[in-house]
Each structure stands twice: as structure tokens, then as C-alpha cells.
């Protein structure tokens, strides 16, 4: 999912947009299972789904341009 801190930074930004302040280290603790916060988990899954969709769109556009 990209550079190590990239996805965690996007999760922090996503949560900040919702008015929730967290540190990148807190996001990593949730990802690695050291703690559990439902809001961080939901934000992580949302960001990952958006990234997967973005990558699928890029692949589709690349294939369309190649044809």
C-alpha cells in the first residue's frame, strides 16, 4: 500500500477531517494489533479501500490507453 508512513499519514488526515486527533504511532499500534480503536480501524479500512480503487482505476486507464 505504498510507503510505510504514507498510508498511516492518510489515516491520520482522514481522522483529522472528522475531528479526531491521533498520532501516526497510534495508527501503527492498531494496525499491528497492539491496541484497538474502532474509529482508527474503520478509517484504516476506508483509506485502504480508496487506495485499492485508485490503483484499479489507474490500471483500467492504462489498459484503455494501450488499446
PDB file of N, CA and C in Angstrom:
ATOM      1  N   UNK A   1       0.807  -1.186   0.000  1.00  0.00           N
ATOM      2  CA  UNK A   1       0.000   0.000   0.000  1.00  0.00           C
ATOM      3  C   UNK A   1       0.857   1.260   0.000  1.00  0.00           C
ATOM      4  N   UNK A   2       1.993   1.185  -0.580  1.00  0.00           N
ATOM      5  CA  UNK A   2       2.815   2.377  -0.684  1.00  0.00           C
ATOM      6  C   UNK A   2       3.843   2.479   0.423  1.00  0.00           C
ATOM      7  N   UNK A   3       4.472   3.633   0.536  1.00  0.00           N
ATOM      8  CA  UNK A   3       5.493   3.820   1.567  1.00  0.00           C
ATOM      9  C   UNK A   3       4.929   3.577   2.960  1.00  0.00           C
ATOM     10  N   UNK A   4       5.777   3.165   3.838  1.00  0.00           N
ATOM     11  CA  UNK A   4       5.367   2.756   5.178  1.00  0.00           C
ATOM     12  C   UNK A   4       4.517   3.812   5.882  1.00  0.00           C
ATOM     13  N   UNK A   5       4.971   5.039   5.909  1.00  0.00           N
ATOM     14  CA  UNK A   5       4.228   6.078   6.625  1.00  0.00           C
ATOM     15  C   UNK A   5       3.130   6.710   5.782  1.00  0.00           C
ATOM     16  N   UNK A   6       3.086   6.417   4.493  1.00  0.00           N
ATOM     17  CA  UNK A   6       2.100   7.039   3.620  1.00  0.00           C
ATOM     18  C   UNK A   6       0.673   6.698   3.997  1.00  0.00           C
ATOM     19  N   UNK A   7       0.396   5.426   4.167  1.00  0.00           N
ATOM     20  CA  UNK A   7      -0.975   5.007   4.460  1.00  0.00           C
ATOM     21  C   UNK A   7      -1.365   5.461   5.870  1.00  0.00           C
ATOM     22  N   UNK A   8      -0.442   5.376   6.822  1.00  0.00           N
ATOM     23  CA  UNK A   8      -0.742   5.815   8.185  1.00  0.00           C
ATOM     24  C   UNK A   8      -0.995   7.318   8.212  1.00  0.00           C
ATOM     25  N   UNK A   9      -0.225   8.059   7.441  1.00  0.00           N
ATOM     26  CA  UNK A   9      -0.433   9.506   7.363  1.00  0.00           C
ATOM     27  C   UNK A   9      -1.783   9.852   6.785  1.00  0.00           C
ATOM     28  N   UNK A  10      -2.211   9.067   5.790  1.00  0.00           N
ATOM     29  CA  UNK A  10      -3.534   9.315   5.209  1.00  0.00           C
ATOM     30  C   UNK A  10      -4.646   8.970   6.190  1.00  0.00           C
ATOM     31  N   UNK A  11      -4.421   7.949   7.023  1.00  0.00           N
ATOM     32  CA  UNK A  11      -5.407   7.606   8.060  1.00  0.00           C
ATOM     33  C   UNK A  11      -5.504   8.752   9.066  1.00  0.00           C
ATOM     34  N   UNK A  12      -4.356   9.301   9.472  1.00  0.00           N
ATOM     35  CA  UNK A  12      -4.347  10.432  10.407  1.00  0.00           C
ATOM     36  C   UNK A  12      -5.087  11.620   9.796  1.00  0.00           C
ATOM     37  N   UNK A  13      -4.827  11.894   8.512  1.00  0.00           N
ATOM     38  CA  UNK A  13      -5.505  13.008   7.836  1.00  0.00           C
ATOM     39  C   UNK A  13      -7.008  12.766   7.738  1.00  0.00           C
ATOM     40  N   UNK A  14      -7.395  11.519   7.447  1.00  0.00           N
ATOM     41  CA  UNK A  14      -8.818  11.167   7.354  1.00  0.00           C
ATOM     42  C   UNK A  14      -9.504  11.401   8.704  1.00  0.00           C
ATOM     43  N   UNK A  15      -8.854  10.966   9.767  1.00  0.00           N
ATOM     44  CA  UNK A  15      -9.426  11.153  11.100  1.00  0.00           C
ATOM     45  C   UNK A  15      -9.447  12.629  11.493  1.00  0.00           C
ATOM     46  N   UNK A  16      -8.424  13.370  11.100  1.00  0.00           N
ATOM     47  CA  UNK A  16      -8.388  14.805  11.409  1.00  0.00           C
ATOM     48  C   UNK A  16      -9.548  15.528  10.739  1.00  0.00           C
ATOM     49  N   UNK A  17      -9.908  15.088   9.537  1.00  0.00           N
ATOM     50  CA  UNK A  17     -11.049  15.687   8.840  1.00  0.00           C
ATOM     51  C   UNK A  17     -12.350  15.435   9.596  1.00  0.00           C
ATOM     52  N   UNK A  18     -12.383  14.353  10.368  1.00  0.00           N
ATOM     53  CA  UNK A  18     -13.558  14.031  11.177  1.00  0.00           C
ATOM     54  C   UNK A  18     -13.466  14.627  12.580  1.00  0.00           C
ATOM     55  N   UNK A  19     -12.385  15.362  12.851  1.00  0.00           N
ATOM     56  CA  UNK A  19     -12.225  15.992  14.154  1.00  0.00           C
ATOM     57  C   UNK A  19     -11.581  15.108  15.205  1.00  0.00           C
ATOM     58  N   UNK A  20     -10.954  14.016  14.785  1.00  0.00           N
ATOM     59  CA  UNK A  20     -10.294  13.101  15.714  1.00  0.00           C
ATOM     60  C   UNK A  20      -8.789  13.259  15.548  1.00  0.00           C
ATOM     61  N   UNK A  21      -8.100  13.516  16.641  1.00  0.00           N
ATOM     62  CA  UNK A  21      -6.655  13.721  16.603  1.00  0.00           C
ATOM     63  C   UNK A  21      -5.943  12.470  17.108  1.00  0.00           C
ATOM     64  N   UNK A  22      -5.109  11.876  16.252  1.00  0.00           N
ATOM     65  CA  UNK A  22      -4.310  10.713  16.637  1.00  0.00           C
ATOM     66  C   UNK A  22      -2.907  10.870  16.068  1.00  0.00           C
ATOM     67  N   UNK A  23      -1.970  10.150  16.654  1.00  0.00           N
ATOM     68  CA  UNK A  23      -0.594  10.145  16.170  1.00  0.00           C
ATOM     69  C   UNK A  23      -0.405   8.977  15.209  1.00  0.00           C
ATOM     70  N   UNK A  24       0.592   9.096  14.356  1.00  0.00           N
ATOM     71  CA  UNK A  24       0.906   8.015  13.418  1.00  0.00           C
ATOM     72  C   UNK A  24       1.248   6.745  14.191  1.00  0.00           C
ATOM     73  N   UNK A  25       1.952   6.879  15.306  1.00  0.00           N
ATOM     74  CA  UNK A  25       2.315   5.705  16.105  1.00  0.00           C
ATOM     75  C   UNK A  25       1.074   4.982  16.624  1.00  0.00           C
ATOM     76  N   UNK A  26       0.028   5.716  16.941  1.00  0.00           N
ATOM     77  CA  UNK A  26      -1.226   5.098  17.386  1.00  0.00           C
ATOM     78  C   UNK A  26      -1.849   4.292  16.261  1.00  0.00           C
ATOM     79  N   UNK A  27      -1.784   4.824  15.044  1.00  0.00           N
ATOM     80  CA  UNK A  27      -2.310   4.093  13.886  1.00  0.00           C
ATOM     81  C   UNK A  27      -1.540   2.791  13.714  1.00  0.00           C
ATOM     82  N   UNK A  28      -0.201   2.846  13.815  1.00  0.00           N
ATOM     83  CA  UNK A  28       0.597   1.627  13.686  1.00  0.00           C
ATOM     84  C   UNK A  28       0.282   0.637  14.797  1.00  0.00           C
ATOM     85  N   UNK A  29       0.053   1.111  16.012  1.00  0.00           N
ATOM     86  CA  UNK A  29      -0.301   0.210  17.107  1.00  0.00           C
ATOM     87  C   UNK A  29      -1.602  -0.521  16.817  1.00  0.00           C
ATOM     88  N   UNK A  30      -2.553   0.146  16.209  1.00  0.00           N
ATOM     89  CA  UNK A  30      -3.816  -0.507  15.844  1.00  0.00           C
ATOM     90  C   UNK A  30      -3.583  -1.500  14.711  1.00  0.00           C
ATOM     91  N   UNK A  31      -2.815  -1.091  13.690  1.00  0.00           N
ATOM     92  CA  UNK A  31      -2.542  -1.980  12.554  1.00  0.00           C
ATOM     93  C   UNK A  31      -1.854  -3.254  13.020  1.00  0.00           C
ATOM     94  N   UNK A  32      -0.888  -3.118  13.935  1.00  0.00           N
ATOM     95  CA  UNK A  32      -0.132  -4.276  14.413  1.00  0.00           C
ATOM     96  C   UNK A  32      -0.842  -5.039  15.523  1.00  0.00           C
ATOM     97  N   UNK A  33      -2.033  -4.594  15.928  1.00  0.00           N
ATOM     98  CA  UNK A  33      -2.822  -5.311  16.917  1.00  0.00           C
ATOM     99  C   UNK A  33      -2.422  -5.051  18.354  1.00  0.00           C
ATOM    100  N   UNK A  34      -1.620  -4.033  18.603  1.00  0.00           N
ATOM    101  CA  UNK A  34      -1.199  -3.721  19.969  1.00  0.00           C
ATOM    102  C   UNK A  34      -2.273  -2.986  20.754  1.00  0.00           C
ATOM    103  N   UNK A  35      -3.198  -2.359  20.050  1.00  0.00           N
ATOM    104  CA  UNK A  35      -4.329  -1.693  20.696  1.00  0.00           C
ATOM    105  C   UNK A  35      -5.505  -1.740  19.734  1.00  0.00           C
ATOM    106  N   UNK A  36      -6.665  -1.399  20.247  1.00  0.00           N
ATOM    107  CA  UNK A  36      -7.842  -1.426  19.375  1.00  0.00           C
ATOM    108  C   UNK A  36      -8.661  -0.160  19.578  1.00  0.00           C
ATOM    109  N   UNK A  37      -8.881   0.528  18.487  1.00  0.00           N
ATOM    110  CA  UNK A  37      -9.727   1.716  18.451  1.00  0.00           C
ATOM    111  C   UNK A  37     -10.588   1.573  17.204  1.00  0.00           C
ATOM    112  N   UNK A  38     -11.878   1.463  17.398  1.00  0.00           N
ATOM    113  CA  UNK A  38     -12.784   1.227  16.271  1.00  0.00           C
ATOM    114  C   UNK A  38     -12.700   2.329  15.227  1.00  0.00           C
ATOM    115  N   UNK A  39     -12.585   3.576  15.652  1.00  0.00           N
ATOM    116  CA  UNK A  39     -12.538   4.691  14.696  1.00  0.00           C
ATOM    117  C   UNK A  39     -11.295   4.607  13.820  1.00  0.00           C
ATOM    118  N   UNK A  40     -10.163   4.233  14.421  1.00  0.00           N
ATOM    119  CA  UNK A  40      -8.922   4.122  13.652  1.00  0.00           C
ATOM    120  C   UNK A  40      -8.999   2.938  12.705  1.00  0.00           C
ATOM    121  N   UNK A  41      -9.551   1.831  13.168  1.00  0.00           N
ATOM    122  CA  UNK A  41      -9.703   0.657  12.310  1.00  0.00           C
ATOM    123  C   UNK A  41     -10.605   0.970  11.127  1.00  0.00           C
ATOM    124  N   UNK A  42     -11.724   1.615  11.372  1.00  0.00           N
ATOM    125  CA  UNK A  42     -12.637   1.986  10.286  1.00  0.00           C
ATOM    126  C   UNK A  42     -11.970   2.939   9.302  1.00  0.00           C
ATOM    127  N   UNK A  43     -11.237   3.914   9.822  1.00  0.00           N
ATOM    128  CA  UNK A  43     -10.545   4.868   8.947  1.00  0.00           C
ATOM    129  C   UNK A  43      -9.489   4.155   8.116  1.00  0.00           C
ATOM    130  N   UNK A  44      -8.756   3.228   8.729  1.00  0.00           N
ATOM    131  CA  UNK A  44      -7.737   2.470   8.002  1.00  0.00           C
ATOM    132  C   UNK A  44      -8.370   1.684   6.860  1.00  0.00           C
ATOM    133  N   UNK A  45      -9.455   0.988   7.139  1.00  0.00           N
ATOM    134  CA  UNK A  45     -10.119   0.201   6.097  1.00  0.00           C
ATOM    135  C   UNK A  45     -10.673   1.089   4.993  1.00  0.00           C
ATOM    136  N   UNK A  46     -11.190   2.253   5.347  1.00  0.00           N
ATOM    137  CA  UNK A  46     -11.698   3.203   4.351  1.00  0.00           C
ATOM    138  C   UNK A  46     -10.575   3.704   3.455  1.00  0.00           C
ATOM    139  N   UNK A  47      -9.451   4.066   4.057  1.00  0.00           N
ATOM    140  CA  UNK A  47      -8.310   4.576   3.290  1.00  0.00           C
ATOM    141  C   UNK A  47      -7.740   3.486   2.386  1.00  0.00           C
ATOM    142  N   UNK A  48      -7.632   2.270   2.897  1.00  0.00           N
ATOM    143  CA  UNK A  48      -7.105   1.164   2.086  1.00  0.00           C
ATOM    144  C   UNK A  48      -8.044   0.854   0.926  1.00  0.00           C
ATOM    145  N   UNK A  49      -9.343   0.853   1.166  1.00  0.00           N
ATOM    146  CA  UNK A  49     -10.304   0.601   0.082  1.00  0.00           C
ATOM    147  C   UNK A  49     -10.205   1.680  -0.990  1.00  0.00           C
ATOM    148  N   UNK A  50     -10.056   2.926  -0.576  1.00  0.00           N
ATOM    149  CA  UNK A  50      -9.912   4.022  -1.543  1.00  0.00           C
ATOM    150  C   UNK A  50      -8.626   3.872  -2.342  1.00  0.00           C
ATOM    151  N   UNK A  51      -7.551   3.449  -1.690  1.00  0.00           N
ATOM    152  CA  UNK A  51      -6.272   3.254  -2.386  1.00  0.00           C
ATOM    153  C   UNK A  51      -6.367   2.103  -3.387  1.00  0.00           C
ATOM    154  N   UNK A  52      -7.019   1.019  -2.985  1.00  0.00           N
ATOM    155  CA  UNK A  52      -7.194  -0.103  -3.914  1.00  0.00           C
ATOM    156  C   UNK A  52      -8.021   0.318  -5.119  1.00  0.00           C
ATOM    157  N   UNK A  53      -9.056   1.113  -4.902  1.00  0.00           N
ATOM    158  CA  UNK A  53      -9.890   1.599  -6.003  1.00  0.00           C
ATOM    159  C   UNK A  53      -9.089   2.528  -6.907  1.00  0.00           C
ATOM    160  N   UNK A  54      -8.282   3.396  -6.309  1.00  0.00           N
ATOM    161  CA  UNK A  54      -7.449   4.313  -7.087  1.00  0.00           C
ATOM    162  C   UNK A  54      -6.487   3.535  -7.980  1.00  0.00           C
ATOM    163  N   UNK A  55      -5.876   2.488  -7.429  1.00  0.00           N
ATOM    164  CA  UNK A  55      -4.945   1.677  -8.217  1.00  0.00           C
ATOM    165  C   UNK A  55      -5.666   0.918  -9.323  1.00  0.00           C
ATOM    166  N   UNK A  56      -6.861   0.414  -9.037  1.00  0.00           N
ATOM    167  CA  UNK A  56      -7.639  -0.282 -10.068  1.00  0.00           C
ATOM    168  C   UNK A  56      -8.021   0.678 -11.186  1.00  0.00           C
ATOM    169  N   UNK A  57      -8.373   1.910 -10.841  1.00  0.00           N
ATOM    170  CA  UNK A  57      -8.702   2.923 -11.850  1.00  0.00           C
ATOM    171  C   UNK A  57      -7.498   3.240 -12.729  1.00  0.00           C
ATOM    172  N   UNK A  58      -6.325   3.328 -12.123  1.00  0.00           N
ATOM    173  CA  UNK A  58      -5.109   3.602 -12.894  1.00  0.00           C
ATOM    174  C   UNK A  58      -4.823   2.462 -13.859  1.00  0.00           C
ATOM    175  N   UNK A  59      -4.980   1.239 -13.407  1.00  0.00           N
ATOM    176  CA  UNK A  59      -4.756   0.078 -14.276  1.00  0.00           C
ATOM    177  C   UNK A  59      -5.748   0.085 -15.425  1.00  0.00           C
ATOM    178  N   UNK A  60      -7.011   0.378 -15.130  1.00  0.00           N
ATOM    179  CA  UNK A  60      -8.034   0.416 -16.183  1.00  0.00           C
ATOM    180  C   UNK A  60      -7.732   1.508 -17.203  1.00  0.00           C
ATOM    181  N   UNK A  61      -7.328   2.684 -16.734  1.00  0.00           N
ATOM    182  CA  UNK A  61      -6.981   3.774 -17.660  1.00  0.00           C
ATOM    183  C   UNK A  61      -5.766   3.419 -18.499  1.00  0.00           C
ATOM    184  N   UNK A  62      -4.790   2.768 -17.892  1.00  0.00           N
ATOM    185  CA  UNK A  62      -3.588   2.365 -18.620  1.00  0.00           C
ATOM    186  C   UNK A  62      -3.932   1.364 -19.709  1.00  0.00           C
ATOM    187  N   UNK A  63      -4.786   0.403 -19.382  1.00  0.00           N
ATOM    188  CA  UNK A  63      -5.202  -0.589 -20.383  1.00  0.00           C
ATOM    189  C   UNK A  63      -5.990   0.074 -21.504  1.00  0.00           C
ATOM    190  N   UNK A  64      -6.849   1.023 -21.156  1.00  0.00           N
ATOM    191  CA  UNK A  64      -7.648   1.715 -22.171  1.00  0.00           C
ATOM    192  C   UNK A  64      -6.751   2.524 -23.103  1.00  0.00           C
ATOM    193  N   UNK A  65      -5.730   3.143 -22.564  1.00  0.00           N
ATOM    194  CA  UNK A  65      -4.810   3.914 -23.394  1.00  0.00           C
ATOM    195  C   UNK A  65      -3.943   3.013 -24.266  1.00  0.00           C
ATOM    196  N   UNK A  66      -3.653   1.810 -23.782  1.00  0.00           N
ATOM    197  CA  UNK A  66      -2.815   0.881 -24.542  1.00  0.00           C
ATOM    198  C   UNK A  66      -3.565   0.286 -25.728  1.00  0.00           C
ATOM    199  N   UNK A  67      -4.877   0.244 -25.656  1.00  0.00           N
ATOM    200  CA  UNK A  67      -5.675  -0.363 -26.739  1.00  0.00           C
ATOM    201  C   UNK A  67      -5.869   0.544 -27.895  1.00  0.00           C
TER     202      UNK A  67
END
